[in-house]
Amino acid sequence: KNYYICHSLLVQGCKQWDLGATKINKFKIKFKKLFTSIPKSSLVLISIGEIDCRLDSGVIKYKNKYPKKNLTKIIEVTVERYLNYIFNINSNNHCIIIQGIPCPNINRNKIPKEKINELINVIKNFNLLLREKSSKMRFSFLDLHKLTDRGDGFSNKKWHLDTYHLIPEAIIKSWNEMKLIK
């Protein structure tokens, strides 16, 4: 069994969308500063994307603002630009683990079924693309979706602390099932 010393670094409110943006922004500046401060060749888990996959923000909000745009293409561009950004700033040769997005755990009583289905599909597509493109870049992938899925893309309610966040044991369980790409 391997044991690691972990240190959490936070860029509050940061989305994949922000890191993949073509222009410099406050999120890219702070993320790069923190990322490049990590000792060379470290094992780095990057947990960004959950905010991109909410009903009231991220790609769904963007799609609602621009209804003629293709949601699948929006997700693809977001994931690709985000991962390219990580790849391009990895001058310290870190071993990167990209964390996937857990299944949604929101109160469905006040939300139309088609919106819930849209959210489930967005999260599913994000995870599929994150896994596929991470592998091509030689990044590992921590699959929180598989762990939290009750079978229909919605949370099994075993691992959520609240609406969005998971209990620490969820990360440990996923970590133990993950295969590191070295």
C-alpha atoms as a PDB file:
ATOM      1  CA  LYS A   1       0.000   0.000   0.000  1.00  0.00           C
ATOM      2  CA  ASN A   2       1.225   3.503  -0.852  1.00  0.00           C
ATOM      3  CA  TYR A   3       0.758   6.453   1.459  1.00  0.00           C
ATOM      4  CA  TYR A   4       0.933  10.069   0.379  1.00  0.00           C
ATOM      5  CA  ILE A   5       1.266  13.392   2.101  1.00  0.00           C
ATOM      6  CA  CYS A   6      -1.386  15.656   0.642  1.00  0.00           C
ATOM      7  CA  HIS A   7      -1.566  19.393   0.489  1.00  0.00           C
ATOM      8  CA  SER A   8      -4.697  21.115  -0.787  1.00  0.00           C
ATOM      9  CA  LEU A   9      -4.420  24.217  -2.938  1.00  0.00           C
ATOM     10  CA  LEU A  10      -7.620  26.088  -3.787  1.00  0.00           C
ATOM     11  CA  VAL A  11      -8.585  28.412  -6.591  1.00  0.00           C
ATOM     12  CA  GLN A  12     -12.104  29.207  -5.445  1.00  0.00           C
ATOM     13  CA  GLY A  13     -14.737  29.249  -8.185  1.00  0.00           C
ATOM     14  CA  CYS A  14     -12.340  28.018 -10.871  1.00  0.00           C
ATOM     15  CA  LYS A  15     -13.884  26.137 -13.775  1.00  0.00           C
ATOM     16  CA  GLN A  16     -12.390  24.156 -16.631  1.00  0.00           C
ATOM     17  CA  TRP A  17     -13.919  26.851 -18.795  1.00  0.00           C
ATOM     18  CA  ASP A  18     -11.750  29.487 -17.062  1.00  0.00           C
ATOM     19  CA  LEU A  19      -8.487  27.546 -17.419  1.00  0.00           C
ATOM     20  CA  GLY A  20      -9.242  26.739 -21.049  1.00  0.00           C
ATOM     21  CA  ALA A  21     -10.057  30.344 -21.943  1.00  0.00           C
ATOM     22  CA  THR A  22      -7.876  31.849 -24.651  1.00  0.00           C
ATOM     23  CA  LYS A  23      -7.292  35.043 -22.649  1.00  0.00           C
ATOM     24  CA  ILE A  24      -5.473  35.420 -19.336  1.00  0.00           C
ATOM     25  CA  ASN A  25      -7.831  35.643 -16.349  1.00  0.00           C
ATOM     26  CA  LYS A  26      -7.545  35.656 -12.557  1.00  0.00           C
ATOM     27  CA  PHE A  27      -8.146  31.890 -12.380  1.00  0.00           C
ATOM     28  CA  LYS A  28      -5.349  31.062 -14.824  1.00  0.00           C
ATOM     29  CA  ILE A  29      -2.950  33.379 -13.003  1.00  0.00           C
ATOM     30  CA  LYS A  30      -3.679  31.905  -9.569  1.00  0.00           C
ATOM     31  CA  PHE A  31      -3.770  28.296 -10.805  1.00  0.00           C
ATOM     32  CA  LYS A  32      -0.442  28.593 -12.623  1.00  0.00           C
ATOM     33  CA  LYS A  33       1.187  30.244  -9.607  1.00  0.00           C
ATOM     34  CA  LEU A  34       0.045  27.401  -7.328  1.00  0.00           C
ATOM     35  CA  PHE A  35       0.752  24.658  -9.869  1.00  0.00           C
ATOM     36  CA  THR A  36       4.304  25.785 -10.571  1.00  0.00           C
ATOM     37  CA  SER A  37       5.018  26.090  -6.824  1.00  0.00           C
ATOM     38  CA  ILE A  38       4.554  22.325  -6.353  1.00  0.00           C
ATOM     39  CA  PRO A  39       7.872  20.406  -6.084  1.00  0.00           C
ATOM     40  CA  LYS A  40       9.061  18.889  -9.374  1.00  0.00           C
ATOM     41  CA  SER A  41       7.733  15.488 -10.432  1.00  0.00           C
ATOM     42  CA  SER A  42       4.983  15.458  -7.802  1.00  0.00           C
ATOM     43  CA  LEU A  43       1.824  13.404  -8.012  1.00  0.00           C
ATOM     44  CA  VAL A  44      -0.879  16.051  -8.560  1.00  0.00           C
ATOM     45  CA  LEU A  45      -4.634  15.487  -8.359  1.00  0.00           C
ATOM     46  CA  ILE A  46      -6.575  18.225 -10.153  1.00  0.00           C
ATOM     47  CA  SER A  47     -10.192  18.536  -9.119  1.00  0.00           C
ATOM     48  CA  ILE A  48     -11.801  21.088 -11.416  1.00  0.00           C
ATOM     49  CA  GLY A  49     -15.003  20.715 -13.383  1.00  0.00           C
ATOM     50  CA  GLU A  50     -17.852  20.223 -10.966  1.00  0.00           C
ATOM     51  CA  ILE A  51     -18.872  23.902 -11.265  1.00  0.00           C
ATOM     52  CA  ASP A  52     -18.820  23.526 -15.075  1.00  0.00           C
ATOM     53  CA  CYS A  53     -21.513  20.854 -14.636  1.00  0.00           C
ATOM     54  CA  ARG A  54     -24.223  22.624 -12.674  1.00  0.00           C
ATOM     55  CA  LEU A  55     -27.655  23.686 -13.890  1.00  0.00           C
ATOM     56  CA  ASP A  56     -27.088  27.336 -12.950  1.00  0.00           C
ATOM     57  CA  SER A  57     -23.507  27.791 -14.190  1.00  0.00           C
ATOM     58  CA  GLY A  58     -20.942  26.388 -16.569  1.00  0.00           C
ATOM     59  CA  VAL A  59     -21.785  24.813 -19.896  1.00  0.00           C
ATOM     60  CA  ILE A  60     -25.564  24.552 -19.337  1.00  0.00           C
ATOM     61  CA  LYS A  61     -25.806  28.249 -18.503  1.00  0.00           C
ATOM     62  CA  TYR A  62     -23.683  29.030 -21.584  1.00  0.00           C
ATOM     63  CA  LYS A  63     -25.886  26.802 -23.773  1.00  0.00           C
ATOM     64  CA  ASN A  64     -29.018  28.528 -22.455  1.00  0.00           C
ATOM     65  CA  LYS A  65     -27.482  31.896 -23.368  1.00  0.00           C
ATOM     66  CA  TYR A  66     -26.583  30.627 -26.864  1.00  0.00           C
ATOM     67  CA  PRO A  67     -29.301  28.067 -27.729  1.00  0.00           C
ATOM     68  CA  LYS A  68     -28.068  27.535 -31.305  1.00  0.00           C
ATOM     69  CA  LYS A  69     -24.737  26.167 -30.041  1.00  0.00           C
ATOM     70  CA  ASN A  70     -24.256  22.401 -29.793  1.00  0.00           C
ATOM     71  CA  LEU A  71     -23.941  21.275 -26.153  1.00  0.00           C
ATOM     72  CA  THR A  72     -21.752  18.280 -26.985  1.00  0.00           C
ATOM     73  CA  LYS A  73     -19.351  20.549 -28.888  1.00  0.00           C
ATOM     74  CA  ILE A  74     -19.289  23.049 -25.986  1.00  0.00           C
ATOM     75  CA  ILE A  75     -18.291  20.239 -23.610  1.00  0.00           C
ATOM     76  CA  GLU A  76     -15.679  18.890 -26.029  1.00  0.00           C
ATOM     77  CA  VAL A  77     -14.047  22.295 -26.513  1.00  0.00           C
ATOM     78  CA  THR A  78     -14.134  23.018 -22.764  1.00  0.00           C
ATOM     79  CA  VAL A  79     -12.477  19.720 -21.823  1.00  0.00           C
ATOM     80  CA  GLU A  80      -9.916  19.880 -24.618  1.00  0.00           C
ATOM     81  CA  ARG A  81      -8.823  23.442 -23.851  1.00  0.00           C
ATOM     82  CA  TYR A  82      -8.668  22.720 -20.121  1.00  0.00           C
ATOM     83  CA  LEU A  83      -6.508  19.624 -20.528  1.00  0.00           C
ATOM     84  CA  ASN A  84      -4.283  21.360 -23.087  1.00  0.00           C
ATOM     85  CA  TYR A  85      -3.740  24.165 -20.598  1.00  0.00           C
ATOM     86  CA  ILE A  86      -2.703  21.693 -17.878  1.00  0.00           C
ATOM     87  CA  PHE A  87      -0.432  19.850 -20.309  1.00  0.00           C
ATOM     88  CA  ASN A  88       1.231  23.064 -21.506  1.00  0.00           C
ATOM     89  CA  ILE A  89       2.019  24.445 -18.049  1.00  0.00           C
ATOM     90  CA  ASN A  90       3.357  21.143 -16.706  1.00  0.00           C
ATOM     91  CA  SER A  91       7.002  22.175 -17.012  1.00  0.00           C
ATOM     92  CA  ASN A  92       7.789  20.543 -13.644  1.00  0.00           C
ATOM     93  CA  ASN A  93       6.984  17.123 -15.084  1.00  0.00           C
ATOM     94  CA  HIS A  94       4.249  16.292 -12.569  1.00  0.00           C
ATOM     95  CA  CYS A  95       2.361  13.010 -12.674  1.00  0.00           C
ATOM     96  CA  ILE A  96      -1.158  14.376 -13.271  1.00  0.00           C
ATOM     97  CA  ILE A  97      -4.421  12.834 -12.117  1.00  0.00           C
ATOM     98  CA  ILE A  98      -7.574  14.443 -13.496  1.00  0.00           C
ATOM     99  CA  GLN A  99     -10.555  14.006 -11.195  1.00  0.00           C
ATOM    100  CA  GLY A 100     -13.878  13.215 -12.818  1.00  0.00           C
ATOM    101  CA  ILE A 101     -17.248  14.707 -11.972  1.00  0.00           C
ATOM    102  CA  PRO A 102     -19.504  12.851  -9.496  1.00  0.00           C
ATOM    103  CA  CYS A 103     -23.133  12.143 -10.326  1.00  0.00           C
ATOM    104  CA  PRO A 104     -25.563  14.932  -9.405  1.00  0.00           C
ATOM    105  CA  ASN A 105     -27.140  14.923  -5.952  1.00  0.00           C
ATOM    106  CA  ILE A 106     -29.617  17.774  -6.277  1.00  0.00           C
ATOM    107  CA  ASN A 107     -33.225  18.005  -5.118  1.00  0.00           C
ATOM    108  CA  ARG A 108     -35.169  16.918  -8.200  1.00  0.00           C
ATOM    109  CA  ASN A 109     -38.622  17.887  -6.898  1.00  0.00           C
ATOM    110  CA  LYS A 110     -38.486  21.476  -8.178  1.00  0.00           C
ATOM    111  CA  ILE A 111     -36.598  20.834 -11.420  1.00  0.00           C
ATOM    112  CA  PRO A 112     -38.226  19.665 -14.676  1.00  0.00           C
ATOM    113  CA  LYS A 113     -37.294  16.113 -15.703  1.00  0.00           C
ATOM    114  CA  GLU A 114     -35.773  17.304 -19.004  1.00  0.00           C
ATOM    115  CA  LYS A 115     -33.391  19.601 -17.085  1.00  0.00           C
ATOM    116  CA  ILE A 116     -32.344  16.724 -14.813  1.00  0.00           C
ATOM    117  CA  ASN A 117     -31.737  14.542 -17.881  1.00  0.00           C
ATOM    118  CA  GLU A 118     -29.708  17.332 -19.488  1.00  0.00           C
ATOM    119  CA  LEU A 119     -27.566  17.628 -16.354  1.00  0.00           C
ATOM    120  CA  ILE A 120     -27.021  13.857 -16.166  1.00  0.00           C
ATOM    121  CA  ASN A 121     -25.978  13.811 -19.838  1.00  0.00           C
ATOM    122  CA  VAL A 122     -23.624  16.779 -19.401  1.00  0.00           C
ATOM    123  CA  ILE A 123     -21.861  15.081 -16.482  1.00  0.00           C
ATOM    124  CA  LYS A 124     -21.703  11.768 -18.332  1.00  0.00           C
ATOM    125  CA  ASN A 125     -20.209  13.426 -21.443  1.00  0.00           C
ATOM    126  CA  PHE A 126     -17.734  15.450 -19.381  1.00  0.00           C
ATOM    127  CA  ASN A 127     -16.482  12.265 -17.733  1.00  0.00           C
ATOM    128  CA  LEU A 128     -16.244  10.310 -20.980  1.00  0.00           C
ATOM    129  CA  LEU A 129     -14.199  13.073 -22.609  1.00  0.00           C
ATOM    130  CA  LEU A 130     -12.063  13.696 -19.523  1.00  0.00           C
ATOM    131  CA  ARG A 131     -11.183  10.000 -19.338  1.00  0.00           C
ATOM    132  CA  GLU A 132     -10.483   9.654 -23.065  1.00  0.00           C
ATOM    133  CA  LYS A 133      -8.479  12.850 -23.509  1.00  0.00           C
ATOM    134  CA  SER A 134      -6.613  12.438 -20.206  1.00  0.00           C
ATOM    135  CA  SER A 135      -5.416   9.030 -21.323  1.00  0.00           C
ATOM    136  CA  LYS A 136      -4.164  10.445 -24.632  1.00  0.00           C
ATOM    137  CA  MET A 137      -2.154  13.034 -22.697  1.00  0.00           C
ATOM    138  CA  ARG A 138      -0.768  10.376 -20.332  1.00  0.00           C
ATOM    139  CA  PHE A 139      -2.764  11.745 -17.385  1.00  0.00           C
ATOM    140  CA  SER A 140      -4.463   9.363 -14.969  1.00  0.00           C
ATOM    141  CA  PHE A 141      -8.202   9.665 -14.334  1.00  0.00           C
ATOM    142  CA  LEU A 142      -9.972   9.432 -10.963  1.00  0.00           C
ATOM    143  CA  ASP A 143     -13.492   8.181 -11.732  1.00  0.00           C
ATOM    144  CA  LEU A 144     -15.920   9.640  -9.206  1.00  0.00           C
ATOM    145  CA  HIS A 145     -18.856   9.184 -11.572  1.00  0.00           C
ATOM    146  CA  LYS A 146     -18.592   5.384 -11.474  1.00  0.00           C
ATOM    147  CA  LEU A 147     -18.406   5.421  -7.679  1.00  0.00           C
ATOM    148  CA  THR A 148     -21.432   7.704  -7.183  1.00  0.00           C
ATOM    149  CA  ASP A 149     -23.720   6.337  -9.936  1.00  0.00           C
ATOM    150  CA  ARG A 150     -26.824   4.467  -8.767  1.00  0.00           C
ATOM    151  CA  GLY A 151     -27.207   3.121 -12.311  1.00  0.00           C
ATOM    152  CA  ASP A 152     -29.078   5.946 -14.011  1.00  0.00           C
ATOM    153  CA  GLY A 153     -26.513   8.745 -13.752  1.00  0.00           C
ATOM    154  CA  PHE A 154     -27.920  10.118 -10.498  1.00  0.00           C
ATOM    155  CA  SER A 155     -26.210   9.926  -7.095  1.00  0.00           C
ATOM    156  CA  ASN A 156     -26.476   6.706  -5.129  1.00  0.00           C
ATOM    157  CA  LYS A 157     -26.386   8.937  -2.019  1.00  0.00           C
ATOM    158  CA  LYS A 158     -23.596   6.857  -0.446  1.00  0.00           C
ATOM    159  CA  TRP A 159     -20.723   9.261  -0.972  1.00  0.00           C
ATOM    160  CA  HIS A 160     -22.114  12.811  -0.973  1.00  0.00           C
ATOM    161  CA  LEU A 161     -21.527  15.161   1.941  1.00  0.00           C
ATOM    162  CA  ASP A 162     -23.992  17.699   0.542  1.00  0.00           C
ATOM    163  CA  THR A 163     -25.479  18.655  -2.810  1.00  0.00           C
ATOM    164  CA  TYR A 164     -22.101  18.909  -4.579  1.00  0.00           C
ATOM    165  CA  HIS A 165     -19.260  17.651  -2.408  1.00  0.00           C
ATOM    166  CA  LEU A 166     -18.151  14.137  -1.516  1.00  0.00           C
ATOM    167  CA  ILE A 167     -17.011  12.724   1.802  1.00  0.00           C
ATOM    168  CA  PRO A 168     -13.245  12.074   2.027  1.00  0.00           C
ATOM    169  CA  GLU A 169     -13.818   8.293   1.980  1.00  0.00           C
ATOM    170  CA  ALA A 170     -15.161   8.636  -1.588  1.00  0.00           C
ATOM    171  CA  ILE A 171     -11.820   9.929  -2.828  1.00  0.00           C
ATOM    172  CA  ILE A 172      -9.967   7.194  -0.941  1.00  0.00           C
ATOM    173  CA  LYS A 173     -12.236   4.484  -2.414  1.00  0.00           C
ATOM    174  CA  SER A 174     -11.828   5.848  -5.970  1.00  0.00           C
ATOM    175  CA  TRP A 175      -8.096   6.310  -5.458  1.00  0.00           C
ATOM    176  CA  ASN A 176      -7.715   2.656  -4.429  1.00  0.00           C
ATOM    177  CA  GLU A 177      -9.491   1.534  -7.620  1.00  0.00           C
ATOM    178  CA  MET A 178      -7.565   3.863  -9.948  1.00  0.00           C
ATOM    179  CA  LYS A 179      -4.682   2.748 -12.152  1.00  0.00           C
ATOM    180  CA  LEU A 180      -1.928   5.368 -12.291  1.00  0.00           C
ATOM    181  CA  ILE A 181      -0.391   6.139 -15.668  1.00  0.00           C
ATOM    182  CA  LYS A 182       3.325   6.619 -15.187  1.00  0.00           C
END
